[in-house]
PDB file of N, CA and C in Angstrom:
ATOM      1  N   MET A   1     111.644 118.998 101.284  1.00  0.00           N
ATOM      2  CA  MET A   1     110.709 118.349 100.548  1.00  0.00           C
ATOM      3  C   MET A   1     111.711 117.420  99.885  1.00  0.00           C
ATOM      4  N   LEU A   2     111.416 115.496  99.106  1.00  0.00           N
ATOM      5  CA  LEU A   2     112.445 115.369  98.064  1.00  0.00           C
ATOM      6  C   LEU A   2     110.765 114.595  96.781  1.00  0.00           C
ATOM      7  N   LEU A   3     112.020 115.218  95.956  1.00  0.00           N
ATOM      8  CA  LEU A   3     111.388 114.799  94.963  1.00  0.00           C
ATOM      9  C   LEU A   3     111.323 113.146  95.044  1.00  0.00           C
ATOM     10  N   HIS A   4     110.448 112.205  94.520  1.00  0.00           N
ATOM     11  CA  HIS A   4     110.847 110.917  93.800  1.00  0.00           C
ATOM     12  C   HIS A   4     111.366 110.336  93.556  1.00  0.00           C
ATOM     13  N   SER A   5     111.333 111.733  91.736  1.00  0.00           N
ATOM     14  CA  SER A   5     111.940 110.205  90.810  1.00  0.00           C
ATOM     15  C   SER A   5     113.663 111.454  90.591  1.00  0.00           C
ATOM     16  N   GLN A   6     113.761 111.958  91.702  1.00  0.00           N
ATOM     17  CA  GLN A   6     114.834 112.038  92.176  1.00  0.00           C
ATOM     18  C   GLN A   6     116.251 110.785  93.290  1.00  0.00           C
ATOM     19  N   LEU A   7     115.154 110.361  93.716  1.00  0.00           N
ATOM     20  CA  LEU A   7     115.845 109.101  94.731  1.00  0.00           C
ATOM     21  C   LEU A   7     115.408 107.498  93.699  1.00  0.00           C
ATOM     22  N   SER A   8     116.974 107.506  93.865  1.00  0.00           N
ATOM     23  CA  SER A   8     116.928 105.803  92.686  1.00  0.00           C
ATOM     24  C   SER A   8     116.036 104.945  94.452  1.00  0.00           C
ATOM     25  N   ASP A   9     115.911 103.466  94.296  1.00  0.00           N
ATOM     26  CA  ASP A   9     114.971 103.027  94.816  1.00  0.00           C
ATOM     27  C   ASP A   9     115.853 102.179  96.076  1.00  0.00           C
ATOM     28  N   SER A  10     116.870 102.397  96.573  1.00  0.00           N
ATOM     29  CA  SER A  10     117.712 102.007  97.534  1.00  0.00           C
ATOM     30  C   SER A  10     117.883 103.351  98.266  1.00  0.00           C
ATOM     31  N   GLU A  11     118.348 104.512  97.430  1.00  0.00           N
ATOM     32  CA  GLU A  11     118.329 105.425  98.456  1.00  0.00           C
ATOM     33  C   GLU A  11     117.083 105.775  99.103  1.00  0.00           C
ATOM     34  N   LEU A  12     115.737 106.243  98.041  1.00  0.00           N
ATOM     35  CA  LEU A  12     114.566 105.597  99.205  1.00  0.00           C
ATOM     36  C   LEU A  12     114.444 104.932 100.379  1.00  0.00           C
ATOM     37  N   ARG A  13     114.537 103.399 100.105  1.00  0.00           N
ATOM     38  CA  ARG A  13     114.429 102.596 101.330  1.00  0.00           C
ATOM     39  C   ARG A  13     115.516 103.398 102.196  1.00  0.00           C
ATOM     40  N   SER A  14     117.055 103.463 101.970  1.00  0.00           N
ATOM     41  CA  SER A  14     117.472 104.375 102.927  1.00  0.00           C
ATOM     42  C   SER A  14     117.118 105.301 104.319  1.00  0.00           C
ATOM     43  N   LYS A  15     116.024 106.444 103.467  1.00  0.00           N
ATOM     44  CA  LYS A  15     115.281 107.682 103.976  1.00  0.00           C
ATOM     45  C   LYS A  15     114.490 106.625 104.756  1.00  0.00           C
ATOM     46  N   ILE A  16     113.542 106.095 104.492  1.00  0.00           N
ATOM     47  CA  ILE A  16     112.384 105.302 105.113  1.00  0.00           C
ATOM     48  C   ILE A  16     112.689 105.032 105.843  1.00  0.00           C
ATOM     49  N   ARG A  17     114.242 103.663 106.606  1.00  0.00           N
ATOM     50  CA  ARG A  17     114.269 103.234 106.903  1.00  0.00           C
ATOM     51  C   ARG A  17     115.110 103.393 108.053  1.00  0.00           C
ATOM     52  N   LYS A  18     115.587 104.334 108.091  1.00  0.00           N
ATOM     53  CA  LYS A  18     116.529 105.748 108.532  1.00  0.00           C
ATOM     54  C   LYS A  18     115.083 107.063 109.748  1.00  0.00           C
ATOM     55  N   GLN A  19     114.418 107.109 108.731  1.00  0.00           N
ATOM     56  CA  GLN A  19     112.758 107.784 109.620  1.00  0.00           C
ATOM     57  C   GLN A  19     112.826 109.110 108.599  1.00  0.00           C
ATOM     58  N   GLU A  20     113.955 109.317 107.987  1.00  0.00           N
ATOM     59  CA  GLU A  20     113.989 110.812 107.463  1.00  0.00           C
ATOM     60  C   GLU A  20     112.820 110.583 106.097  1.00  0.00           C
ATOM     61  N   ILE A  21     112.147 110.075 105.764  1.00  0.00           N
ATOM     62  CA  ILE A  21     111.732 110.171 105.124  1.00  0.00           C
ATOM     63  C   ILE A  21     110.146 109.321 105.718  1.00  0.00           C
ATOM     64  N   ARG A  22     108.619 109.767 106.309  1.00  0.00           N
ATOM     65  CA  ARG A  22     108.130 109.497 107.239  1.00  0.00           C
ATOM     66  C   ARG A  22     106.616 109.640 106.828  1.00  0.00           C
ATOM     67  N   LEU A  23     106.620 110.637 105.803  1.00  0.00           N
ATOM     68  CA  LEU A  23     105.020 111.380 104.891  1.00  0.00           C
ATOM     69  C   LEU A  23     105.517 111.166 103.072  1.00  0.00           C
ATOM     70  N   GLY A  24     104.479 111.289 102.953  1.00  0.00           N
ATOM     71  CA  GLY A  24     104.198 110.859 100.824  1.00  0.00           C
ATOM     72  C   GLY A  24     102.932 112.102 100.636  1.00  0.00           C
ATOM     73  N   GLY A  25     103.505 112.565  98.972  1.00  0.00           N
ATOM     74  CA  GLY A  25     102.713 113.777  99.646  1.00  0.00           C
ATOM     75  C   GLY A  25     102.912 113.866  97.508  1.00  0.00           C
ATOM     76  N   ASN A  26     101.713 114.325  97.041  1.00  0.00           N
ATOM     77  CA  ASN A  26     101.471 114.514  95.806  1.00  0.00           C
ATOM     78  C   ASN A  26     101.352 116.335  95.349  1.00  0.00           C
ATOM     79  N   LYS A  27     102.304 116.422  94.325  1.00  0.00           N
ATOM     80  CA  LYS A  27     102.072 118.188  94.143  1.00  0.00           C
ATOM     81  C   LYS A  27     102.440 118.631  93.064  1.00  0.00           C
ATOM     82  N   ASN A  28     100.931 118.138  92.771  1.00  0.00           N
ATOM     83  CA  ASN A  28     100.498 118.973  92.003  1.00  0.00           C
ATOM     84  C   ASN A  28      98.872 118.960  92.692  1.00  0.00           C
ATOM     85  N   LEU A  29      98.427 117.614  93.941  1.00  0.00           N
ATOM     86  CA  LEU A  29      96.960 117.766  94.889  1.00  0.00           C
ATOM     87  C   LEU A  29      97.236 119.374  95.532  1.00  0.00           C
ATOM     88  N   LYS A  30      98.356 118.426  95.695  1.00  0.00           N
ATOM     89  CA  LYS A  30      99.235 119.611  97.181  1.00  0.00           C
ATOM     90  C   LYS A  30      98.676 119.012  97.964  1.00  0.00           C
ATOM     91  N   LEU A  31      98.780 117.493  98.273  1.00  0.00           N
ATOM     92  CA  LEU A  31      98.126 116.903  99.279  1.00  0.00           C
ATOM     93  C   LEU A  31      99.682 116.267  99.843  1.00  0.00           C
ATOM     94  N   TYR A  32      98.806 115.620 100.596  1.00  0.00           N
ATOM     95  CA  TYR A  32     100.660 115.090 102.257  1.00  0.00           C
ATOM     96  C   TYR A  32      99.912 113.889 102.045  1.00  0.00           C
ATOM     97  N   GLY A  33     100.215 112.472 103.255  1.00  0.00           N
ATOM     98  CA  GLY A  33      99.648 111.325 103.765  1.00  0.00           C
ATOM     99  C   GLY A  33     100.368 110.453 103.879  1.00  0.00           C
ATOM    100  N   LEU A  34     100.235 109.480 104.829  1.00  0.00           N
ATOM    101  CA  LEU A  34     101.007 108.344 104.962  1.00  0.00           C
ATOM    102  C   LEU A  34     101.205 107.409 104.490  1.00  0.00           C
ATOM    103  N   LEU A  35     102.798 106.678 104.256  1.00  0.00           N
ATOM    104  CA  LEU A  35     103.313 106.595 103.208  1.00  0.00           C
ATOM    105  C   LEU A  35     102.638 104.918 102.239  1.00  0.00           C
ATOM    106  N   GLY A  36     101.757 104.867 103.525  1.00  0.00           N
ATOM    107  CA  GLY A  36     100.589 103.543 103.317  1.00  0.00           C
ATOM    108  C   GLY A  36      99.446 103.282 102.590  1.00  0.00           C
ATOM    109  N   CYS A  37      99.670 104.224 102.572  1.00  0.00           N
ATOM    110  CA  CYS A  37      98.136 105.173 101.640  1.00  0.00           C
ATOM    111  C   CYS A  37      97.672 104.322 100.231  1.00  0.00           C
ATOM    112  N   ARG A  38      97.103 103.665 100.324  1.00  0.00           N
ATOM    113  CA  ARG A  38      96.730 103.558  99.120  1.00  0.00           C
ATOM    114  C   ARG A  38      96.388 104.186  98.508  1.00  0.00           C
ATOM    115  N   SER A  39      95.794 105.362  98.458  1.00  0.00           N
ATOM    116  CA  SER A  39      95.419 106.360  97.707  1.00  0.00           C
ATOM    117  C   SER A  39      96.488 107.309  97.159  1.00  0.00           C
ATOM    118  N   GLY A  40      97.869 106.974  98.390  1.00  0.00           N
ATOM    119  CA  GLY A  40      99.678 108.199  97.635  1.00  0.00           C
ATOM    120  C   GLY A  40      99.791 106.793  96.616  1.00  0.00           C
ATOM    121  N   LYS A  41     100.067 105.411  97.227  1.00  0.00           N
ATOM    122  CA  LYS A  41     100.675 104.583  96.152  1.00  0.00           C
ATOM    123  C   LYS A  41     100.557 104.493  94.259  1.00  0.00           C
ATOM    124  N   ARG A  42      99.205 105.086  94.342  1.00  0.00           N
ATOM    125  CA  ARG A  42      98.521 105.208  92.957  1.00  0.00           C
ATOM    126  C   ARG A  42      99.003 105.572  92.365  1.00  0.00           C
ATOM    127  N   MET A  43      99.445 107.187  92.967  1.00  0.00           N
ATOM    128  CA  MET A  43     100.245 108.727  92.210  1.00  0.00           C
ATOM    129  C   MET A  43     101.465 107.866  91.426  1.00  0.00           C
ATOM    130  N   LYS A  44     101.471 108.391  90.129  1.00  0.00           N
ATOM    131  CA  LYS A  44     102.368 108.377  89.207  1.00  0.00           C
ATOM    132  C   LYS A  44     103.977 109.426  89.754  1.00  0.00           C
ATOM    133  N   LYS A  45     104.851 108.196  89.785  1.00  0.00           N
ATOM    134  CA  LYS A  45     106.319 109.132  90.388  1.00  0.00           C
ATOM    135  C   LYS A  45     107.142 110.506  90.585  1.00  0.00           C
ATOM    136  N   GLY A  46     106.606 110.583  89.426  1.00  0.00           N
ATOM    137  CA  GLY A  46     106.559 111.925  89.467  1.00  0.00           C
ATOM    138  C   GLY A  46     105.564 112.914  89.212  1.00  0.00           C
ATOM    139  N   ASN A  47     104.952 112.871  90.698  1.00  0.00           N
ATOM    140  CA  ASN A  47     104.162 113.431  91.172  1.00  0.00           C
ATOM    141  C   ASN A  47     104.372 113.381  92.252  1.00  0.00           C
ATOM    142  N   ARG A  48     104.812 112.454  92.890  1.00  0.00           N
ATOM    143  CA  ARG A  48     105.012 112.256  94.322  1.00  0.00           C
ATOM    144  C   ARG A  48     106.202 112.963  95.306  1.00  0.00           C
ATOM    145  N   VAL A  49     105.829 114.035  96.314  1.00  0.00           N
ATOM    146  CA  VAL A  49     107.497 113.883  96.603  1.00  0.00           C
ATOM    147  C   VAL A  49     107.007 113.485  97.599  1.00  0.00           C
ATOM    148  N   PHE A  50     108.906 113.385  99.078  1.00  0.00           N
ATOM    149  CA  PHE A  50     108.455 112.869 100.417  1.00  0.00           C
ATOM    150  C   PHE A  50     108.436 114.276 101.448  1.00  0.00           C
ATOM    151  N   PHE A  51     108.039 114.068 103.220  1.00  0.00           N
ATOM    152  CA  PHE A  51     108.531 114.932 103.767  1.00  0.00           C
ATOM    153  C   PHE A  51     108.764 114.208 104.735  1.00  0.00           C
ATOM    154  N   THR A  52     109.415 114.903 105.745  1.00  0.00           N
ATOM    155  CA  THR A  52     109.856 113.861 106.907  1.00  0.00           C
ATOM    156  C   THR A  52     108.941 113.724 107.712  1.00  0.00           C
ATOM    157  N   ASN A  53     108.424 115.251 107.730  1.00  0.00           N
ATOM    158  CA  ASN A  53     107.357 115.549 109.047  1.00  0.00           C
ATOM    159  C   ASN A  53     106.270 116.509 109.097  1.00  0.00           C
ATOM    160  N   GLU A  54     105.126 116.100 109.547  1.00  0.00           N
ATOM    161  CA  GLU A  54     103.668 116.983 108.550  1.00  0.00           C
ATOM    162  C   GLU A  54     104.341 118.351 108.724  1.00  0.00           C
ATOM    163  N   SER A  55     104.934 119.232 109.424  1.00  0.00           N
ATOM    164  CA  SER A  55     105.476 120.497 110.125  1.00  0.00           C
ATOM    165  C   SER A  55     106.320 120.973 107.684  1.00  0.00           C
ATOM    166  N   GLU A  56     106.701 120.340 107.932  1.00  0.00           N
ATOM    167  CA  GLU A  56     107.772 120.716 106.647  1.00  0.00           C
ATOM    168  C   GLU A  56     106.560 120.615 105.441  1.00  0.00           C
ATOM    169  N   ALA A  57     106.041 119.800 105.325  1.00  0.00           N
ATOM    170  CA  ALA A  57     104.436 119.435 104.364  1.00  0.00           C
ATOM    171  C   ALA A  57     103.721 120.462 104.239  1.00  0.00           C
ATOM    172  N   LEU A  58     103.243 120.683 106.048  1.00  0.00           N
ATOM    173  CA  LEU A  58     103.028 122.334 105.904  1.00  0.00           C
ATOM    174  C   LEU A  58     103.411 123.455 105.457  1.00  0.00           C
ATOM    175  N   GLN A  59     104.145 123.852 105.922  1.00  0.00           N
ATOM    176  CA  GLN A  59     105.602 125.018 105.555  1.00  0.00           C
ATOM    177  C   GLN A  59     105.198 125.087 103.972  1.00  0.00           C
ATOM    178  N   ASN A  60     104.804 124.015 103.438  1.00  0.00           N
ATOM    179  CA  ASN A  60     105.386 123.581 101.875  1.00  0.00           C
ATOM    180  C   ASN A  60     104.009 124.149 101.226  1.00  0.00           C
ATOM    181  N   GLY A  61     103.448 124.630 102.022  1.00  0.00           N
ATOM    182  CA  GLY A  61     101.597 124.591 101.619  1.00  0.00           C
ATOM    183  C   GLY A  61     100.676 123.418 101.164  1.00  0.00           C
ATOM    184  N   TYR A  62     100.463 122.212 101.783  1.00  0.00           N
ATOM    185  CA  TYR A  62     100.523 120.826 101.209  1.00  0.00           C
ATOM    186  C   TYR A  62      98.949 121.264 102.372  1.00  0.00           C
ATOM    187  N   ARG A  63      98.357 119.420 101.720  1.00  0.00           N
ATOM    188  CA  ARG A  63      97.018 119.550 103.509  1.00  0.00           C
ATOM    189  C   ARG A  63      97.097 118.559 102.933  1.00  0.00           C
ATOM    190  N   PRO A  64      96.302 117.894 104.699  1.00  0.00           N
ATOM    191  CA  PRO A  64      96.862 116.387 105.320  1.00  0.00           C
ATOM    192  C   PRO A  64      95.158 115.521 103.872  1.00  0.00           C
ATOM    193  N   CYS A  65      95.837 114.332 103.658  1.00  0.00           N
ATOM    194  CA  CYS A  65      95.312 113.742 103.306  1.00  0.00           C
ATOM    195  C   CYS A  65      93.742 113.567 103.556  1.00  0.00           C
ATOM    196  N   GLY A  66      92.898 113.053 103.562  1.00  0.00           N
ATOM    197  CA  GLY A  66      91.692 112.858 103.751  1.00  0.00           C
ATOM    198  C   GLY A  66      91.297 110.887 103.580  1.00  0.00           C
ATOM    199  N   HIS A  67      92.245 110.526 103.179  1.00  0.00           N
ATOM    200  CA  HIS A  67      91.856 109.456 103.618  1.00  0.00           C
ATOM    201  C   HIS A  67      92.657 108.806 105.042  1.00  0.00           C
ATOM    202  N   CYS A  68      93.767 108.637 104.386  1.00  0.00           N
ATOM    203  CA  CYS A  68      94.921 107.968 105.705  1.00  0.00           C
ATOM    204  C   CYS A  68      94.908 109.308 107.051  1.00  0.00           C
ATOM    205  N   MET A  69      94.762 110.580 106.518  1.00  0.00           N
ATOM    206  CA  MET A  69      94.733 111.735 107.879  1.00  0.00           C
ATOM    207  C   MET A  69      93.397 112.160 107.497  1.00  0.00           C
ATOM    208  N   LYS A  70      92.285 111.210 108.383  1.00  0.00           N
ATOM    209  CA  LYS A  70      90.876 111.834 108.737  1.00  0.00           C
ATOM    210  C   LYS A  70      91.097 113.024 109.406  1.00  0.00           C
ATOM    211  N   GLU A  71      91.458 112.817 111.300  1.00  0.00           N
ATOM    212  CA  GLU A  71      91.623 113.493 111.849  1.00  0.00           C
ATOM    213  C   GLU A  71      92.391 114.963 111.483  1.00  0.00           C
ATOM    214  N   GLU A  72      93.091 114.748 110.918  1.00  0.00           N
ATOM    215  CA  GLU A  72      94.001 115.942 110.551  1.00  0.00           C
ATOM    216  C   GLU A  72      93.516 116.842 109.369  1.00  0.00           C
ATOM    217  N   TYR A  73      93.274 115.471 108.272  1.00  0.00           N
ATOM    218  CA  TYR A  73      91.939 116.559 107.242  1.00  0.00           C
ATOM    219  C   TYR A  73      91.216 117.542 108.128  1.00  0.00           C
ATOM    220  N   GLN A  74      90.284 116.983 108.686  1.00  0.00           N
ATOM    221  CA  GLN A  74      89.484 118.244 109.609  1.00  0.00           C
ATOM    222  C   GLN A  74      89.319 118.816 110.316  1.00  0.00           C
ATOM    223  N   GLN A  75      90.837 118.757 110.753  1.00  0.00           N
ATOM    224  CA  GLN A  75      91.443 120.460 112.489  1.00  0.00           C
ATOM    225  C   GLN A  75      91.635 121.022 110.885  1.00  0.00           C
ATOM    226  N   TRP A  76      92.055 120.732 109.478  1.00  0.00           N
ATOM    227  CA  TRP A  76      93.152 121.922 108.481  1.00  0.00           C
ATOM    228  C   TRP A  76      91.710 122.305 107.860  1.00  0.00           C
ATOM    229  N   ARG A  77      90.612 121.396 107.380  1.00  0.00           N
ATOM    230  CA  ARG A  77      89.206 121.485 106.767  1.00  0.00           C
ATOM    231  C   ARG A  77      89.123 122.504 108.361  1.00  0.00           C
ATOM    232  N   LEU A  78      88.829 122.978 109.351  1.00  0.00           N
ATOM    233  CA  LEU A  78      87.797 123.715 110.166  1.00  0.00           C
ATOM    234  C   LEU A  78      89.311 125.209 110.299  1.00  0.00           C
ATOM    235  N   GLN A  79      89.969 124.516 109.821  1.00  0.00           N
ATOM    236  CA  GLN A  79      91.385 126.224 110.482  1.00  0.00           C
ATOM    237  C   GLN A  79      90.765 126.571 109.015  1.00  0.00           C
ATOM    238  N   GLN A  80      90.695 126.437 106.732  1.00  0.00           N
ATOM    239  CA  GLN A  80      90.529 126.765 106.663  1.00  0.00           C
ATOM    240  C   GLN A  80      89.552 127.772 106.405  1.00  0.00           C
ATOM    241  N   ILE A  81      87.843 127.275 106.884  1.00  0.00           N
ATOM    242  CA  ILE A  81      86.585 127.745 107.626  1.00  0.00           C
ATOM    243  C   ILE A  81      86.638 128.950 108.212  1.00  0.00           C
ATOM    244  N   HIS A  82      87.316 128.885 109.464  1.00  0.00           N
ATOM    245  CA  HIS A  82      88.001 129.774 109.824  1.00  0.00           C
ATOM    246  C   HIS A  82      88.456 131.072 109.599  1.00  0.00           C
ATOM    247  N   HIS A  83      88.874 130.863 108.550  1.00  0.00           N
ATOM    248  CA  HIS A  83      90.483 132.041 107.552  1.00  0.00           C
ATOM    249  C   HIS A  83      89.285 132.570 106.532  1.00  0.00           C
ATOM    250  N   LEU A  84      88.078 131.857 106.145  1.00  0.00           N
ATOM    251  CA  LEU A  84      87.314 132.310 105.298  1.00  0.00           C
ATOM    252  C   LEU A  84      86.744 133.439 105.503  1.00  0.00           C
ATOM    253  N   LYS A  85      86.252 133.497 106.886  1.00  0.00           N
ATOM    254  CA  LYS A  85      84.964 133.555 108.027  1.00  0.00           C
ATOM    255  C   LYS A  85      85.666 134.917 108.383  1.00  0.00           C
TER     256      LYS A  85
END
């Protein structure tokens, strides 16, 4: 997990080009999504984190975005419901 506030703009672009960064997340809300998500683009830089893949985001306790990752979010939600039963 990388914090946006610790990356320069050129480092960020380079890591995205090299596909070292594929997903973005909100550290306060503990959710992740696609880099092009409208919701993600509106968040403050200080709240933004980046992940290489979904498993990294999940291992850090983040959940999928309900806007840009609808199917993944629904699967995550069903898992949460089953854990409550």
